[in-house]
Amino acid sequence: MWTPKNCQHTKMTQGQSKSCTSNKKILLIGDSTCRGIMYYLIEKVNGSLQDWTESYSSVTHKNVNNGLTTFTFSYYPQFWLAKKQRPVYERTLVELLEVSKPLSNDSNTVLIVGGVQWMNNHHIRVTQQVLNHTGLTGIIVILKGLSSGFYQPTTGINWVSLEGQKKLIKLQNYLSQSASMHGFKMIDTLGMTITRHKHFLYGNCACQFHKVLHFNSSVMNESANQNKVLNGYHVSGDINAVYSEIALNILCHDVT
């Protein structure tokens, strides 16, 4: 069993989730693990997930909470490009803020940043600098910590040795301290995932704790006396669900 240190979170109901995310713009920047948080939260608020895309660029969802909540996600880093061609973090963040305007400088704007193992203190400093420059120092910032993964040698995929995994623990502790100094909230996803080797889901990186399932079902519409086919998606994965629920608790209760 994993429990966070010195705090407690509850699993919120759909009604509570809808209420507390009303009139919020939730911005996310990160890799596919961060994208998994977005789709979990959309499904949580709406009660279902009708629209899903495996976006490796930017995507906005406005059909959330009857149009009262907006999610915008930007993929970072674009690891498939040559290093010199990859958009830097600052540019990606500035563009995310730009396409999400208008933004209010309060708890109705939420920024979630993070991924598997790319974050370092530079990204935290740049986040603060950009928020200072754009006048958004009053928003809620949630950092998804590092995650376990890349522990299997695979052709064409980054591999982290046992010693490398140990270094991640030291880096995560440093990032947590830095986040606290800047007033950002940190979710300790490394402490949550480092012993969860049996919870990895399919993928070459061995770093995914969620998968999106497509389904369709047929239900009887009695008034029309005919079957109606329902199509949709479901975000599966217990670990992803836990840290997504923590993010939801933070953005619902950290009112500035």
C-alpha atoms as a PDB file:
ATOM      1  CA  MET A   1       0.000   0.000   0.000  1.00  0.00           C
ATOM      2  CA  TRP A   2       1.229   3.525  -0.838  1.00  0.00           C
ATOM      3  CA  THR A   3       0.174   6.592   1.144  1.00  0.00           C
ATOM      4  CA  PRO A   4       1.423  10.184   0.814  1.00  0.00           C
ATOM      5  CA  LYS A   5       3.473  11.628   3.668  1.00  0.00           C
ATOM      6  CA  ASN A   6       1.781  14.058   6.073  1.00  0.00           C
ATOM      7  CA  CYS A   7      -1.409  14.461   4.044  1.00  0.00           C
ATOM      8  CA  GLN A   8      -4.610  12.694   3.094  1.00  0.00           C
ATOM      9  CA  HIS A   9      -6.670  12.816  -0.065  1.00  0.00           C
ATOM     10  CA  THR A  10     -10.199  11.638  -0.736  1.00  0.00           C
ATOM     11  CA  LYS A  11     -11.723  10.204  -3.876  1.00  0.00           C
ATOM     12  CA  MET A  12     -14.164  12.847  -4.989  1.00  0.00           C
ATOM     13  CA  THR A  13     -17.587  12.134  -6.421  1.00  0.00           C
ATOM     14  CA  GLN A  14     -18.529  13.202  -9.922  1.00  0.00           C
ATOM     15  CA  GLY A  15     -20.791  15.884  -8.476  1.00  0.00           C
ATOM     16  CA  GLN A  16     -17.964  17.316  -6.361  1.00  0.00           C
ATOM     17  CA  SER A  17     -15.624  17.183  -9.348  1.00  0.00           C
ATOM     18  CA  LYS A  18     -18.082  19.027 -11.585  1.00  0.00           C
ATOM     19  CA  SER A  19     -18.693  21.693  -8.974  1.00  0.00           C
ATOM     20  CA  CYS A  20     -15.076  22.449  -8.133  1.00  0.00           C
ATOM     21  CA  THR A  21     -13.839  22.491 -11.747  1.00  0.00           C
ATOM     22  CA  SER A  22     -16.587  24.820 -12.953  1.00  0.00           C
ATOM     23  CA  ASN A  23     -15.235  27.964 -14.634  1.00  0.00           C
ATOM     24  CA  LYS A  24     -11.687  26.601 -14.534  1.00  0.00           C
ATOM     25  CA  LYS A  25      -9.177  26.372 -17.335  1.00  0.00           C
ATOM     26  CA  ILE A  26      -6.855  23.431 -16.755  1.00  0.00           C
ATOM     27  CA  LEU A  27      -3.620  23.562 -18.741  1.00  0.00           C
ATOM     28  CA  LEU A  28      -1.261  20.607 -18.978  1.00  0.00           C
ATOM     29  CA  ILE A  29       2.236  20.381 -20.407  1.00  0.00           C
ATOM     30  CA  GLY A  30       4.128  17.102 -20.477  1.00  0.00           C
ATOM     31  CA  ASP A  31       4.363  13.673 -22.041  1.00  0.00           C
ATOM     32  CA  SER A  32       1.819  10.878 -22.407  1.00  0.00           C
ATOM     33  CA  THR A  33       1.683  10.280 -18.642  1.00  0.00           C
ATOM     34  CA  CYS A  34       0.527  13.880 -18.180  1.00  0.00           C
ATOM     35  CA  ARG A  35      -1.959  13.409 -21.008  1.00  0.00           C
ATOM     36  CA  GLY A  36      -3.303  10.407 -19.086  1.00  0.00           C
ATOM     37  CA  ILE A  37      -4.119  12.709 -16.175  1.00  0.00           C
ATOM     38  CA  MET A  38      -6.100  15.005 -18.466  1.00  0.00           C
ATOM     39  CA  TYR A  39      -8.260  12.245 -19.894  1.00  0.00           C
ATOM     40  CA  TYR A  40      -8.850  10.694 -16.476  1.00  0.00           C
ATOM     41  CA  LEU A  41     -10.076  14.061 -15.193  1.00  0.00           C
ATOM     42  CA  ILE A  42     -12.292  14.648 -18.230  1.00  0.00           C
ATOM     43  CA  GLU A  43     -13.891  11.227 -17.774  1.00  0.00           C
ATOM     44  CA  LYS A  44     -14.261  11.895 -14.050  1.00  0.00           C
ATOM     45  CA  VAL A  45     -16.033  15.233 -14.553  1.00  0.00           C
ATOM     46  CA  ASN A  46     -18.212  14.204 -17.500  1.00  0.00           C
ATOM     47  CA  GLY A  47     -18.974  10.718 -16.239  1.00  0.00           C
ATOM     48  CA  SER A  48     -17.795   9.343 -19.587  1.00  0.00           C
ATOM     49  CA  LEU A  49     -15.127   9.942 -22.201  1.00  0.00           C
ATOM     50  CA  GLN A  50     -16.519  10.428 -25.691  1.00  0.00           C
ATOM     51  CA  ASP A  51     -13.547  12.162 -27.302  1.00  0.00           C
ATOM     52  CA  TRP A  52      -9.941  10.967 -27.089  1.00  0.00           C
ATOM     53  CA  THR A  53      -6.852  11.545 -29.195  1.00  0.00           C
ATOM     54  CA  GLU A  54      -3.277  10.342 -28.731  1.00  0.00           C
ATOM     55  CA  SER A  55      -1.997  13.840 -29.353  1.00  0.00           C
ATOM     56  CA  TYR A  56       1.716  14.540 -29.692  1.00  0.00           C
ATOM     57  CA  SER A  57       1.187  18.258 -30.213  1.00  0.00           C
ATOM     58  CA  SER A  58      -1.552  20.423 -28.675  1.00  0.00           C
ATOM     59  CA  VAL A  59      -5.206  19.650 -28.120  1.00  0.00           C
ATOM     60  CA  THR A  60      -8.072  21.535 -26.451  1.00  0.00           C
ATOM     61  CA  HIS A  61     -11.264  20.037 -25.026  1.00  0.00           C
ATOM     62  CA  LYS A  62     -14.108  22.472 -24.352  1.00  0.00           C
ATOM     63  CA  ASN A  63     -16.975  19.986 -24.154  1.00  0.00           C
ATOM     64  CA  VAL A  64     -16.315  19.294 -20.472  1.00  0.00           C
ATOM     65  CA  ASN A  65     -18.732  19.927 -17.611  1.00  0.00           C
ATOM     66  CA  ASN A  66     -21.375  21.260 -20.000  1.00  0.00           C
ATOM     67  CA  GLY A  67     -18.863  23.743 -21.366  1.00  0.00           C
ATOM     68  CA  LEU A  68     -17.932  25.128 -17.951  1.00  0.00           C
ATOM     69  CA  THR A  69     -14.439  23.590 -17.874  1.00  0.00           C
ATOM     70  CA  THR A  70     -11.709  23.721 -20.518  1.00  0.00           C
ATOM     71  CA  PHE A  71      -8.670  21.452 -20.812  1.00  0.00           C
ATOM     72  CA  THR A  72      -5.683  22.258 -23.028  1.00  0.00           C
ATOM     73  CA  PHE A  73      -2.695  19.925 -23.350  1.00  0.00           C
ATOM     74  CA  SER A  74       0.691  20.499 -25.000  1.00  0.00           C
ATOM     75  CA  TYR A  75       3.101  17.629 -25.541  1.00  0.00           C
ATOM     76  CA  TYR A  76       6.640  18.077 -24.231  1.00  0.00           C
ATOM     77  CA  PRO A  77       9.376  17.085 -24.927  1.00  0.00           C
ATOM     78  CA  GLN A  78       9.134  16.150 -28.589  1.00  0.00           C
ATOM     79  CA  PHE A  79      11.718  13.407 -28.187  1.00  0.00           C
ATOM     80  CA  TRP A  80      11.313  12.040 -31.727  1.00  0.00           C
ATOM     81  CA  LEU A  81      12.934  15.161 -33.191  1.00  0.00           C
ATOM     82  CA  ALA A  82      16.657  15.799 -33.312  1.00  0.00           C
ATOM     83  CA  LYS A  83      17.707  17.689 -30.172  1.00  0.00           C
ATOM     84  CA  LYS A  84      18.423  20.913 -32.057  1.00  0.00           C
ATOM     85  CA  GLN A  85      14.942  20.805 -33.622  1.00  0.00           C
ATOM     86  CA  ARG A  86      12.969  20.223 -30.435  1.00  0.00           C
ATOM     87  CA  PRO A  87      10.977  23.217 -29.161  1.00  0.00           C
ATOM     88  CA  VAL A  88      12.407  24.316 -25.829  1.00  0.00           C
ATOM     89  CA  TYR A  89      10.277  24.163 -22.689  1.00  0.00           C
ATOM     90  CA  GLU A  90       9.867  27.929 -22.376  1.00  0.00           C
ATOM     91  CA  ARG A  91       8.507  28.240 -25.907  1.00  0.00           C
ATOM     92  CA  THR A  92       6.084  25.353 -25.380  1.00  0.00           C
ATOM     93  CA  LEU A  93       4.804  26.838 -22.122  1.00  0.00           C
ATOM     94  CA  VAL A  94       4.398  30.350 -23.558  1.00  0.00           C
ATOM     95  CA  GLU A  95       2.466  28.977 -26.545  1.00  0.00           C
ATOM     96  CA  LEU A  96       0.227  26.934 -24.219  1.00  0.00           C
ATOM     97  CA  LEU A  97      -0.630  30.042 -22.210  1.00  0.00           C
ATOM     98  CA  GLU A  98      -1.206  32.031 -25.387  1.00  0.00           C
ATOM     99  CA  VAL A  99      -3.695  29.602 -26.970  1.00  0.00           C
ATOM    100  CA  SER A 100      -5.546  29.305 -23.654  1.00  0.00           C
ATOM    101  CA  LYS A 101      -6.291  33.028 -23.284  1.00  0.00           C
ATOM    102  CA  PRO A 102      -8.083  34.716 -21.671  1.00  0.00           C
ATOM    103  CA  LEU A 103      -6.661  33.473 -18.367  1.00  0.00           C
ATOM    104  CA  SER A 104      -7.442  34.777 -14.901  1.00  0.00           C
ATOM    105  CA  ASN A 105      -4.667  35.235 -12.349  1.00  0.00           C
ATOM    106  CA  ASP A 106      -6.352  33.135  -9.676  1.00  0.00           C
ATOM    107  CA  SER A 107      -7.352  29.567  -8.810  1.00  0.00           C
ATOM    108  CA  ASN A 108      -9.598  29.350 -11.879  1.00  0.00           C
ATOM    109  CA  THR A 109      -6.421  28.807 -13.900  1.00  0.00           C
ATOM    110  CA  VAL A 110      -4.566  25.575 -13.184  1.00  0.00           C
ATOM    111  CA  LEU A 111      -1.243  24.521 -14.710  1.00  0.00           C
ATOM    112  CA  ILE A 112      -0.148  20.875 -14.453  1.00  0.00           C
ATOM    113  CA  VAL A 113       3.426  20.129 -15.526  1.00  0.00           C
ATOM    114  CA  GLY A 114       5.348  16.873 -15.645  1.00  0.00           C
ATOM    115  CA  GLY A 115       6.173  13.546 -17.171  1.00  0.00           C
ATOM    116  CA  VAL A 116       8.292  10.474 -16.654  1.00  0.00           C
ATOM    117  CA  GLN A 117      11.882  11.603 -16.155  1.00  0.00           C
ATOM    118  CA  TRP A 118      12.545  14.798 -18.126  1.00  0.00           C
ATOM    119  CA  MET A 119      11.884  17.407 -15.439  1.00  0.00           C
ATOM    120  CA  ASN A 120      14.720  19.137 -13.620  1.00  0.00           C
ATOM    121  CA  ASN A 121      15.124  22.361 -11.669  1.00  0.00           C
ATOM    122  CA  HIS A 122      15.539  24.342 -14.893  1.00  0.00           C
ATOM    123  CA  HIS A 123      11.916  23.638 -15.811  1.00  0.00           C
ATOM    124  CA  ILE A 124      10.714  24.811 -12.405  1.00  0.00           C
ATOM    125  CA  ARG A 125      12.691  28.049 -12.674  1.00  0.00           C
ATOM    126  CA  VAL A 126      11.468  28.696 -16.211  1.00  0.00           C
ATOM    127  CA  THR A 127       7.871  28.061 -15.143  1.00  0.00           C
ATOM    128  CA  GLN A 128       8.202  30.728 -12.443  1.00  0.00           C
ATOM    129  CA  GLN A 129       9.883  33.176 -14.823  1.00  0.00           C
ATOM    130  CA  VAL A 130       7.185  32.776 -17.471  1.00  0.00           C
ATOM    131  CA  LEU A 131       4.399  33.189 -14.906  1.00  0.00           C
ATOM    132  CA  ASN A 132       6.088  36.331 -13.563  1.00  0.00           C
ATOM    133  CA  HIS A 133       6.383  37.757 -17.079  1.00  0.00           C
ATOM    134  CA  THR A 134       2.770  36.962 -18.009  1.00  0.00           C
ATOM    135  CA  GLY A 135       1.254  38.179 -14.737  1.00  0.00           C
ATOM    136  CA  LEU A 136      -0.007  34.741 -13.733  1.00  0.00           C
ATOM    137  CA  THR A 137       1.669  34.304 -10.361  1.00  0.00           C
ATOM    138  CA  GLY A 138      -1.679  33.719  -8.653  1.00  0.00           C
ATOM    139  CA  ILE A 139      -2.645  30.534 -10.520  1.00  0.00           C
ATOM    140  CA  ILE A 140      -2.442  26.995  -9.155  1.00  0.00           C
ATOM    141  CA  VAL A 141       0.662  25.126 -10.325  1.00  0.00           C
ATOM    142  CA  ILE A 142       0.836  21.363  -9.853  1.00  0.00           C
ATOM    143  CA  LEU A 143       4.001  19.462 -10.686  1.00  0.00           C
ATOM    144  CA  LYS A 144       3.728  15.779 -11.497  1.00  0.00           C
ATOM    145  CA  GLY A 145       6.928  14.343 -10.095  1.00  0.00           C
ATOM    146  CA  LEU A 146       9.271  11.893 -11.770  1.00  0.00           C
ATOM    147  CA  SER A 147       8.109   8.332 -12.396  1.00  0.00           C
ATOM    148  CA  SER A 148       9.749   4.959 -12.528  1.00  0.00           C
ATOM    149  CA  GLY A 149      10.333   3.494 -15.963  1.00  0.00           C
ATOM    150  CA  PHE A 150      12.860   2.779 -18.697  1.00  0.00           C
ATOM    151  CA  TYR A 151      14.263  -0.038 -16.560  1.00  0.00           C
ATOM    152  CA  GLN A 152      14.408  -2.573 -19.401  1.00  0.00           C
ATOM    153  CA  PRO A 153      17.120  -2.352 -22.111  1.00  0.00           C
ATOM    154  CA  THR A 154      15.181  -1.866 -25.364  1.00  0.00           C
ATOM    155  CA  THR A 155      16.557  -0.977 -28.779  1.00  0.00           C
ATOM    156  CA  GLY A 156      15.990   2.694 -29.577  1.00  0.00           C
ATOM    157  CA  ILE A 157      14.629   3.484 -26.084  1.00  0.00           C
ATOM    158  CA  ASN A 158      16.432   5.233 -23.255  1.00  0.00           C
ATOM    159  CA  TRP A 159      17.464   2.834 -20.493  1.00  0.00           C
ATOM    160  CA  VAL A 160      17.976   3.744 -16.832  1.00  0.00           C
ATOM    161  CA  SER A 161      20.202   1.421 -14.817  1.00  0.00           C
ATOM    162  CA  LEU A 162      19.714   0.574 -11.163  1.00  0.00           C
ATOM    163  CA  GLU A 163      22.189   3.299 -10.229  1.00  0.00           C
ATOM    164  CA  GLY A 164      20.259   5.682 -12.448  1.00  0.00           C
ATOM    165  CA  GLN A 165      17.043   4.809 -10.655  1.00  0.00           C
ATOM    166  CA  LYS A 166      18.731   5.622  -7.329  1.00  0.00           C
ATOM    167  CA  LYS A 167      19.792   9.022  -8.695  1.00  0.00           C
ATOM    168  CA  LEU A 168      16.169   9.700  -9.611  1.00  0.00           C
ATOM    169  CA  ILE A 169      15.242   9.489  -5.926  1.00  0.00           C
ATOM    170  CA  LYS A 170      17.772  12.203  -5.048  1.00  0.00           C
ATOM    171  CA  LEU A 171      16.581  14.349  -7.956  1.00  0.00           C
ATOM    172  CA  GLN A 172      12.939  13.954  -6.919  1.00  0.00           C
ATOM    173  CA  ASN A 173      13.750  15.097  -3.369  1.00  0.00           C
ATOM    174  CA  TYR A 174      15.551  18.137  -4.784  1.00  0.00           C
ATOM    175  CA  LEU A 175      12.641  18.948  -7.104  1.00  0.00           C
ATOM    176  CA  SER A 176      10.170  18.707  -4.217  1.00  0.00           C
ATOM    177  CA  GLN A 177      12.189  21.238  -2.226  1.00  0.00           C
ATOM    178  CA  SER A 178      12.462  23.557  -5.222  1.00  0.00           C
ATOM    179  CA  ALA A 179       8.716  23.320  -5.916  1.00  0.00           C
ATOM    180  CA  SER A 180       7.949  24.223  -2.311  1.00  0.00           C
ATOM    181  CA  MET A 181      10.225  27.288  -2.499  1.00  0.00           C
ATOM    182  CA  HIS A 182       8.278  28.515  -5.525  1.00  0.00           C
ATOM    183  CA  GLY A 183       4.875  27.814  -3.980  1.00  0.00           C
ATOM    184  CA  PHE A 184       4.107  24.989  -6.407  1.00  0.00           C
ATOM    185  CA  LYS A 185       2.395  21.750  -5.416  1.00  0.00           C
ATOM    186  CA  MET A 186       4.282  18.505  -6.073  1.00  0.00           C
ATOM    187  CA  ILE A 187       2.755  15.036  -6.523  1.00  0.00           C
ATOM    188  CA  ASP A 188       5.312  12.400  -5.525  1.00  0.00           C
ATOM    189  CA  THR A 189       4.696  10.009  -8.398  1.00  0.00           C
ATOM    190  CA  LEU A 190       8.188   8.517  -8.042  1.00  0.00           C
ATOM    191  CA  GLY A 191       7.531   7.307  -4.509  1.00  0.00           C
ATOM    192  CA  MET A 192       4.235   5.956  -5.778  1.00  0.00           C
ATOM    193  CA  THR A 193       5.608   4.104  -8.801  1.00  0.00           C
ATOM    194  CA  ILE A 194       9.138   2.966  -8.017  1.00  0.00           C
ATOM    195  CA  THR A 195       7.991  -0.334  -6.474  1.00  0.00           C
ATOM    196  CA  ARG A 196       5.073  -0.872  -8.857  1.00  0.00           C
ATOM    197  CA  HIS A 197       6.821  -2.929 -11.526  1.00  0.00           C
ATOM    198  CA  LYS A 198       3.785  -5.181 -11.885  1.00  0.00           C
ATOM    199  CA  HIS A 199       1.570  -2.191 -12.679  1.00  0.00           C
ATOM    200  CA  PHE A 200       3.357  -1.079 -15.847  1.00  0.00           C
ATOM    201  CA  LEU A 201       1.056  -1.256 -18.841  1.00  0.00           C
ATOM    202  CA  TYR A 202       1.986  -1.967 -22.436  1.00  0.00           C
ATOM    203  CA  GLY A 203       4.616   0.225 -24.085  1.00  0.00           C
ATOM    204  CA  ASN A 204       8.273   0.053 -25.038  1.00  0.00           C
ATOM    205  CA  CYS A 205       9.276   2.535 -22.341  1.00  0.00           C
ATOM    206  CA  ALA A 206       7.833   0.438 -19.496  1.00  0.00           C
ATOM    207  CA  CYS A 207       6.690   3.747 -18.007  1.00  0.00           C
ATOM    208  CA  GLN A 208       2.933   3.796 -18.574  1.00  0.00           C
ATOM    209  CA  PHE A 209       0.474   3.379 -15.738  1.00  0.00           C
ATOM    210  CA  HIS A 210      -2.635   3.899 -17.825  1.00  0.00           C
ATOM    211  CA  LYS A 211      -4.192   2.797 -21.078  1.00  0.00           C
ATOM    212  CA  VAL A 212      -7.240   4.047 -22.934  1.00  0.00           C
ATOM    213  CA  LEU A 213      -9.815   1.426 -23.860  1.00  0.00           C
ATOM    214  CA  HIS A 214     -12.325   1.908 -26.659  1.00  0.00           C
ATOM    215  CA  PHE A 215     -15.743   0.402 -26.206  1.00  0.00           C
ATOM    216  CA  ASN A 216     -19.137   0.323 -27.830  1.00  0.00           C
ATOM    217  CA  SER A 217     -22.300  -1.107 -26.402  1.00  0.00           C
ATOM    218  CA  SER A 218     -25.885  -1.450 -27.451  1.00  0.00           C
ATOM    219  CA  VAL A 219     -28.744  -0.322 -25.222  1.00  0.00           C
ATOM    220  CA  MET A 220     -32.465  -0.446 -25.811  1.00  0.00           C
ATOM    221  CA  ASN A 221     -34.242   2.846 -26.361  1.00  0.00           C
ATOM    222  CA  GLU A 222     -37.680   1.778 -25.172  1.00  0.00           C
ATOM    223  CA  SER A 223     -39.478   4.900 -26.378  1.00  0.00           C
ATOM    224  CA  ALA A 224     -38.199   4.359 -29.931  1.00  0.00           C
ATOM    225  CA  ASN A 225     -38.283   0.556 -29.594  1.00  0.00           C
ATOM    226  CA  GLN A 226     -34.808   0.224 -31.075  1.00  0.00           C
ATOM    227  CA  ASN A 227     -31.225  -0.362 -30.013  1.00  0.00           C
ATOM    228  CA  LYS A 228     -28.854   2.568 -29.584  1.00  0.00           C
ATOM    229  CA  VAL A 229     -25.119   2.032 -29.983  1.00  0.00           C
ATOM    230  CA  LEU A 230     -22.958   3.897 -27.473  1.00  0.00           C
ATOM    231  CA  ASN A 231     -19.314   4.574 -28.324  1.00  0.00           C
ATOM    232  CA  GLY A 232     -16.699   5.906 -25.971  1.00  0.00           C
ATOM    233  CA  TYR A 233     -13.437   5.423 -24.128  1.00  0.00           C
ATOM    234  CA  HIS A 234     -12.307   4.528 -20.637  1.00  0.00           C
ATOM    235  CA  VAL A 235      -9.004   5.439 -18.960  1.00  0.00           C
ATOM    236  CA  SER A 236      -7.817   2.312 -17.159  1.00  0.00           C
ATOM    237  CA  GLY A 237      -4.972   2.075 -14.628  1.00  0.00           C
ATOM    238  CA  ASP A 238      -5.053   2.219 -10.832  1.00  0.00           C
ATOM    239  CA  ILE A 239      -1.804   4.153 -10.404  1.00  0.00           C
ATOM    240  CA  ASN A 240      -2.798   6.829 -12.904  1.00  0.00           C
ATOM    241  CA  ALA A 241      -6.139   7.076 -11.134  1.00  0.00           C
ATOM    242  CA  VAL A 242      -4.462   7.697  -7.761  1.00  0.00           C
ATOM    243  CA  TYR A 243      -2.189  10.538  -8.846  1.00  0.00           C
ATOM    244  CA  SER A 244      -4.961  12.039 -10.990  1.00  0.00           C
ATOM    245  CA  GLU A 245      -7.244  12.056  -7.946  1.00  0.00           C
ATOM    246  CA  ILE A 246      -4.493  13.793  -5.952  1.00  0.00           C
ATOM    247  CA  ALA A 247      -4.247  16.444  -8.670  1.00  0.00           C
ATOM    248  CA  LEU A 248      -8.024  16.876  -8.510  1.00  0.00           C
ATOM    249  CA  ASN A 249      -7.890  17.256  -4.721  1.00  0.00           C
ATOM    250  CA  ILE A 250      -5.224  19.945  -5.032  1.00  0.00           C
ATOM    251  CA  LEU A 251      -6.953  22.003  -7.707  1.00  0.00           C
ATOM    252  CA  CYS A 252     -10.264  21.753  -5.871  1.00  0.00           C
ATOM    253  CA  HIS A 253      -9.019  22.662  -2.407  1.00  0.00           C
ATOM    254  CA  ASP A 254      -6.055  24.969  -3.018  1.00  0.00           C
ATOM    255  CA  VAL A 255      -8.114  28.122  -3.511  1.00  0.00           C
ATOM    256  CA  THR A 256      -6.131  31.353  -3.674  1.00  0.00           C
END
